């Protein structure tokens, strides 16, 4: 089953990690998922962006398979696109990883 990202879930996990002496520096997401090709929904991406900004950590969005979505009902949206639509640039703590090789079989 696909687990959904929520602000409450992210906050709870973050606080649990801190309570256990862990230092959280980043949230890494893979969108779309490999090998399933499922895409993270817009609301989940917005929650991840808001959470990273709220607690001051990095958000790293691995979008290496952005053009490799084969499910009809899967709509890929980039974290960068959401930032642009919000009228803000991706902050210094928001990073998008993309590469040419996966989508164009150049690896």
N, C-alpha and C. Protein backbone atom coordinates (compact mmCIF):
# COMPACT_ATOMS: atom_id res chain seq x y z
N UNK A 1 0.83 -1.20 0.00
CA UNK A 1 0.00 0.00 0.00
C UNK A 1 0.87 1.25 0.00
N UNK A 2 0.35 2.28 -0.63
CA UNK A 2 1.05 3.56 -0.72
C UNK A 2 0.78 4.35 0.55
N UNK A 3 1.81 4.72 1.24
CA UNK A 3 1.67 5.54 2.45
C UNK A 3 1.63 7.00 2.05
N UNK A 4 0.73 7.74 2.64
CA UNK A 4 0.54 9.14 2.29
C UNK A 4 1.34 10.05 3.23
N UNK A 5 1.90 11.10 2.66
CA UNK A 5 2.58 12.11 3.45
C UNK A 5 1.55 13.11 3.95
N UNK A 6 1.57 13.38 5.24
CA UNK A 6 0.72 14.42 5.81
C UNK A 6 1.58 15.28 6.73
N UNK A 7 1.17 16.51 6.95
CA UNK A 7 1.91 17.36 7.88
C UNK A 7 1.96 16.75 9.26
N UNK A 8 0.83 16.23 9.74
CA UNK A 8 0.81 15.61 11.07
C UNK A 8 1.74 14.41 11.14
N UNK A 9 1.72 13.58 10.12
CA UNK A 9 2.59 12.41 10.11
C UNK A 9 4.06 12.80 10.08
N UNK A 10 4.40 13.80 9.26
CA UNK A 10 5.78 14.27 9.19
C UNK A 10 6.22 14.87 10.52
N UNK A 11 5.35 15.67 11.12
CA UNK A 11 5.68 16.28 12.42
C UNK A 11 5.87 15.22 13.49
N UNK A 12 4.98 14.24 13.55
CA UNK A 12 5.09 13.18 14.55
C UNK A 12 6.38 12.39 14.39
N UNK A 13 6.71 12.04 13.16
CA UNK A 13 7.92 11.28 12.90
C UNK A 13 9.16 12.10 13.26
N UNK A 14 9.14 13.38 12.91
CA UNK A 14 10.24 14.28 13.23
C UNK A 14 10.44 14.37 14.75
N UNK A 15 9.36 14.56 15.47
CA UNK A 15 9.45 14.67 16.93
C UNK A 15 9.90 13.37 17.58
N UNK A 16 9.45 12.25 17.05
CA UNK A 16 9.89 10.94 17.56
C UNK A 16 11.39 10.77 17.34
N UNK A 17 11.85 11.14 16.16
CA UNK A 17 13.29 11.04 15.86
C UNK A 17 14.09 11.92 16.83
N UNK A 18 13.64 13.15 17.04
CA UNK A 18 14.33 14.05 17.96
C UNK A 18 14.34 13.49 19.38
N UNK A 19 13.21 12.93 19.80
CA UNK A 19 13.12 12.36 21.15
C UNK A 19 14.07 11.18 21.33
N UNK A 20 14.41 10.52 20.24
CA UNK A 20 15.34 9.39 20.27
C UNK A 20 16.77 9.80 19.99
N UNK A 21 17.03 11.11 20.03
CA UNK A 21 18.38 11.61 19.88
C UNK A 21 18.87 11.70 18.44
N UNK A 22 17.99 11.59 17.49
CA UNK A 22 18.38 11.68 16.07
C UNK A 22 18.34 13.13 15.62
N UNK A 23 19.27 13.48 14.76
CA UNK A 23 19.29 14.81 14.15
C UNK A 23 18.82 14.65 12.71
N UNK A 24 17.66 15.19 12.42
CA UNK A 24 17.09 15.09 11.08
C UNK A 24 17.54 16.31 10.29
N UNK A 25 18.18 16.06 9.16
CA UNK A 25 18.69 17.16 8.33
C UNK A 25 17.95 17.29 7.01
N UNK A 26 17.27 16.21 6.60
CA UNK A 26 16.61 16.26 5.29
C UNK A 26 15.46 15.26 5.22
N UNK A 27 14.56 15.55 4.31
CA UNK A 27 13.48 14.64 3.93
C UNK A 27 13.71 14.32 2.46
N UNK A 28 13.89 13.06 2.16
CA UNK A 28 14.13 12.61 0.79
C UNK A 28 12.88 11.91 0.28
N UNK A 29 12.37 12.37 -0.85
CA UNK A 29 11.23 11.72 -1.48
C UNK A 29 11.61 11.32 -2.90
N UNK A 30 11.00 10.26 -3.39
CA UNK A 30 11.21 9.82 -4.76
C UNK A 30 9.88 9.92 -5.49
N UNK A 31 9.85 10.71 -6.52
CA UNK A 31 8.61 10.97 -7.24
C UNK A 31 8.92 11.10 -8.74
N UNK A 32 8.42 10.20 -9.57
CA UNK A 32 7.58 9.05 -9.24
C UNK A 32 8.40 7.90 -8.65
N UNK A 33 7.67 7.03 -7.99
CA UNK A 33 8.29 5.88 -7.33
C UNK A 33 8.86 4.92 -8.35
N UNK A 34 9.98 4.33 -8.03
CA UNK A 34 10.56 3.29 -8.86
C UNK A 34 10.59 2.01 -8.04
N UNK A 35 10.05 0.92 -8.47
CA UNK A 35 9.64 0.59 -9.83
C UNK A 35 8.15 0.72 -10.10
N UNK A 36 7.36 1.13 -9.13
CA UNK A 36 5.91 1.11 -9.30
C UNK A 36 5.37 2.19 -10.23
N UNK A 37 6.07 3.31 -10.32
CA UNK A 37 5.62 4.39 -11.18
C UNK A 37 4.50 5.22 -10.58
N UNK A 38 4.21 5.02 -9.29
CA UNK A 38 3.18 5.82 -8.65
C UNK A 38 3.72 7.22 -8.36
N UNK A 39 2.85 8.20 -8.45
CA UNK A 39 3.25 9.59 -8.23
C UNK A 39 2.73 10.08 -6.89
N UNK A 40 3.52 10.92 -6.26
CA UNK A 40 3.08 11.55 -5.02
C UNK A 40 2.08 12.64 -5.39
N UNK A 41 0.98 12.69 -4.67
CA UNK A 41 -0.06 13.65 -4.97
C UNK A 41 0.35 15.06 -4.58
N UNK A 42 -0.25 16.03 -5.26
CA UNK A 42 0.05 17.45 -5.02
C UNK A 42 -0.03 17.81 -3.54
N UNK A 43 -1.07 17.39 -2.86
CA UNK A 43 -1.26 17.74 -1.45
C UNK A 43 -0.11 17.21 -0.60
N UNK A 44 0.40 16.03 -0.96
CA UNK A 44 1.52 15.45 -0.22
C UNK A 44 2.80 16.24 -0.47
N UNK A 45 3.02 16.65 -1.71
CA UNK A 45 4.19 17.45 -2.03
C UNK A 45 4.14 18.80 -1.33
N UNK A 46 2.96 19.40 -1.29
CA UNK A 46 2.80 20.67 -0.59
C UNK A 46 3.08 20.50 0.90
N UNK A 47 2.62 19.39 1.47
CA UNK A 47 2.90 19.12 2.88
C UNK A 47 4.40 18.96 3.11
N UNK A 48 5.08 18.28 2.21
CA UNK A 48 6.53 18.08 2.35
C UNK A 48 7.27 19.42 2.28
N UNK A 49 6.87 20.28 1.33
CA UNK A 49 7.48 21.61 1.20
C UNK A 49 7.25 22.42 2.48
N UNK A 50 6.00 22.46 2.92
CA UNK A 50 5.65 23.23 4.11
C UNK A 50 6.38 22.72 5.34
N UNK A 51 6.47 21.40 5.47
CA UNK A 51 7.14 20.80 6.61
C UNK A 51 8.63 21.15 6.62
N UNK A 52 9.29 20.99 5.48
CA UNK A 52 10.72 21.30 5.41
C UNK A 52 10.98 22.75 5.78
N UNK A 53 10.14 23.65 5.30
CA UNK A 53 10.30 25.06 5.63
C UNK A 53 10.00 25.33 7.10
N UNK A 54 9.00 24.65 7.63
CA UNK A 54 8.58 24.84 9.02
C UNK A 54 9.68 24.45 10.01
N UNK A 55 10.32 23.30 9.77
CA UNK A 55 11.31 22.81 10.74
C UNK A 55 12.75 23.11 10.33
N UNK A 56 12.93 23.71 9.15
CA UNK A 56 14.26 24.14 8.73
C UNK A 56 15.18 23.02 8.27
N UNK A 57 14.62 22.03 7.59
CA UNK A 57 15.45 20.96 7.04
C UNK A 57 15.42 21.03 5.51
N UNK A 58 16.26 20.24 4.88
CA UNK A 58 16.28 20.18 3.42
C UNK A 58 15.21 19.21 2.93
N UNK A 59 14.61 19.54 1.81
CA UNK A 59 13.73 18.63 1.09
C UNK A 59 14.43 18.29 -0.21
N UNK A 60 14.68 17.00 -0.41
CA UNK A 60 15.32 16.54 -1.64
C UNK A 60 14.29 15.70 -2.39
N UNK A 61 13.91 16.16 -3.56
CA UNK A 61 12.92 15.46 -4.38
C UNK A 61 13.64 14.78 -5.54
N UNK A 62 13.74 13.47 -5.47
CA UNK A 62 14.39 12.68 -6.53
C UNK A 62 13.35 12.48 -7.63
N UNK A 63 13.51 13.19 -8.73
CA UNK A 63 12.56 13.14 -9.84
C UNK A 63 13.22 12.55 -11.09
N UNK A 64 14.14 11.63 -10.88
CA UNK A 64 14.93 11.05 -11.96
C UNK A 64 14.05 10.31 -12.98
N UNK A 65 12.89 9.84 -12.55
CA UNK A 65 11.99 9.11 -13.45
C UNK A 65 10.77 9.96 -13.84
N UNK A 66 10.92 11.27 -13.88
CA UNK A 66 9.80 12.18 -14.11
C UNK A 66 9.03 11.89 -15.39
N UNK A 67 9.70 11.48 -16.43
CA UNK A 67 9.03 11.22 -17.71
C UNK A 67 8.73 9.73 -17.91
N UNK A 68 8.90 8.95 -16.88
CA UNK A 68 8.70 7.50 -16.99
C UNK A 68 7.48 7.05 -16.19
N UNK A 69 6.37 7.73 -16.40
CA UNK A 69 5.11 7.39 -15.74
C UNK A 69 4.22 6.72 -16.76
N UNK A 70 3.84 5.49 -16.49
CA UNK A 70 3.08 4.72 -17.47
C UNK A 70 1.65 4.43 -17.04
N UNK A 71 1.28 4.84 -15.84
CA UNK A 71 -0.08 4.61 -15.36
C UNK A 71 -0.97 5.75 -15.83
N UNK A 72 -2.12 5.41 -16.37
CA UNK A 72 -3.01 6.44 -16.94
C UNK A 72 -3.48 7.45 -15.89
N UNK A 73 -3.70 7.00 -14.67
CA UNK A 73 -4.25 7.90 -13.65
C UNK A 73 -3.16 8.56 -12.80
N UNK A 74 -1.89 8.40 -13.18
CA UNK A 74 -0.79 8.99 -12.43
C UNK A 74 -0.40 10.32 -13.06
N UNK A 75 -0.52 11.37 -12.29
CA UNK A 75 -0.15 12.70 -12.77
C UNK A 75 1.10 13.16 -12.03
N UNK A 76 2.21 13.22 -12.74
CA UNK A 76 3.45 13.70 -12.13
C UNK A 76 3.43 15.21 -12.03
N UNK A 77 3.84 15.70 -10.87
CA UNK A 77 4.05 17.13 -10.67
C UNK A 77 5.35 17.29 -9.90
N UNK A 78 6.16 18.24 -10.34
CA UNK A 78 7.45 18.48 -9.71
C UNK A 78 7.30 19.43 -8.52
N UNK A 79 8.16 19.25 -7.55
CA UNK A 79 8.22 20.18 -6.43
C UNK A 79 8.53 21.58 -6.95
N UNK A 80 9.38 21.68 -7.96
CA UNK A 80 9.72 22.99 -8.55
C UNK A 80 8.49 23.66 -9.15
N UNK A 81 7.62 22.87 -9.76
CA UNK A 81 6.39 23.42 -10.35
C UNK A 81 5.49 24.00 -9.27
N UNK A 82 5.39 23.30 -8.15
CA UNK A 82 4.55 23.79 -7.05
C UNK A 82 5.11 25.10 -6.52
N UNK A 83 6.41 25.17 -6.34
CA UNK A 83 7.03 26.42 -5.88
C UNK A 83 6.72 27.56 -6.85
N UNK A 84 6.84 27.27 -8.15
CA UNK A 84 6.57 28.30 -9.17
C UNK A 84 5.11 28.75 -9.11
N UNK A 85 4.19 27.79 -8.98
CA UNK A 85 2.76 28.12 -8.92
C UNK A 85 2.43 28.93 -7.68
N UNK A 86 3.17 28.73 -6.62
CA UNK A 86 2.96 29.49 -5.38
C UNK A 86 3.55 30.90 -5.49
N UNK A 87 4.27 31.15 -6.56
CA UNK A 87 4.89 32.45 -6.74
C UNK A 87 6.17 32.62 -5.96
N UNK A 88 6.77 31.49 -5.57
CA UNK A 88 8.02 31.54 -4.84
C UNK A 88 9.04 30.67 -5.56
N UNK A 89 10.29 31.02 -5.39
CA UNK A 89 11.33 30.16 -5.94
C UNK A 89 11.59 29.03 -4.95
N UNK A 90 12.18 27.97 -5.43
CA UNK A 90 12.59 26.92 -4.51
C UNK A 90 13.64 27.52 -3.59
N UNK A 91 13.39 27.42 -2.32
CA UNK A 91 14.29 28.00 -1.34
C UNK A 91 15.62 27.25 -1.32
N UNK A 92 16.56 27.77 -0.58
CA UNK A 92 17.88 27.15 -0.49
C UNK A 92 17.81 25.74 0.10
N UNK A 93 16.72 25.40 0.74
CA UNK A 93 16.60 24.08 1.36
C UNK A 93 15.77 23.11 0.52
N UNK A 94 15.34 23.50 -0.66
CA UNK A 94 14.55 22.60 -1.51
C UNK A 94 15.35 22.26 -2.76
N UNK A 95 15.57 20.97 -2.97
CA UNK A 95 16.43 20.51 -4.05
C UNK A 95 15.69 19.49 -4.92
N UNK A 96 15.85 19.62 -6.22
CA UNK A 96 15.26 18.68 -7.16
C UNK A 96 16.39 17.97 -7.89
N UNK A 97 16.33 16.64 -7.88
CA UNK A 97 17.34 15.84 -8.57
C UNK A 97 16.70 15.28 -9.83
N UNK A 98 17.30 15.56 -10.97
CA UNK A 98 16.81 15.03 -12.24
C UNK A 98 18.02 14.72 -13.11
N UNK A 99 17.87 13.77 -13.96
CA UNK A 99 18.93 13.42 -14.89
C UNK A 99 18.35 12.96 -16.21
N UNK A 100 19.08 13.15 -17.23
CA UNK A 100 18.66 12.82 -18.59
C UNK A 100 18.65 11.30 -18.84
N UNK A 101 19.54 10.59 -18.20
CA UNK A 101 19.80 9.20 -18.57
C UNK A 101 18.63 8.24 -18.35
N UNK A 102 17.90 8.36 -17.28
CA UNK A 102 16.83 7.39 -16.99
C UNK A 102 15.67 7.49 -17.98
N UNK A 103 15.20 8.70 -18.21
CA UNK A 103 14.04 8.87 -19.10
C UNK A 103 14.35 8.63 -20.56
N UNK A 104 15.59 8.78 -20.94
CA UNK A 104 15.95 8.63 -22.35
C UNK A 104 16.88 7.46 -22.60
N UNK A 105 16.90 6.50 -21.66
CA UNK A 105 17.65 5.25 -21.79
C UNK A 105 19.10 5.50 -22.23
N UNK A 106 19.71 6.48 -21.63
CA UNK A 106 21.08 6.83 -21.98
C UNK A 106 22.08 6.38 -20.90
N UNK A 107 21.66 5.42 -20.09
CA UNK A 107 22.57 5.00 -19.03
C UNK A 107 23.33 3.75 -19.40
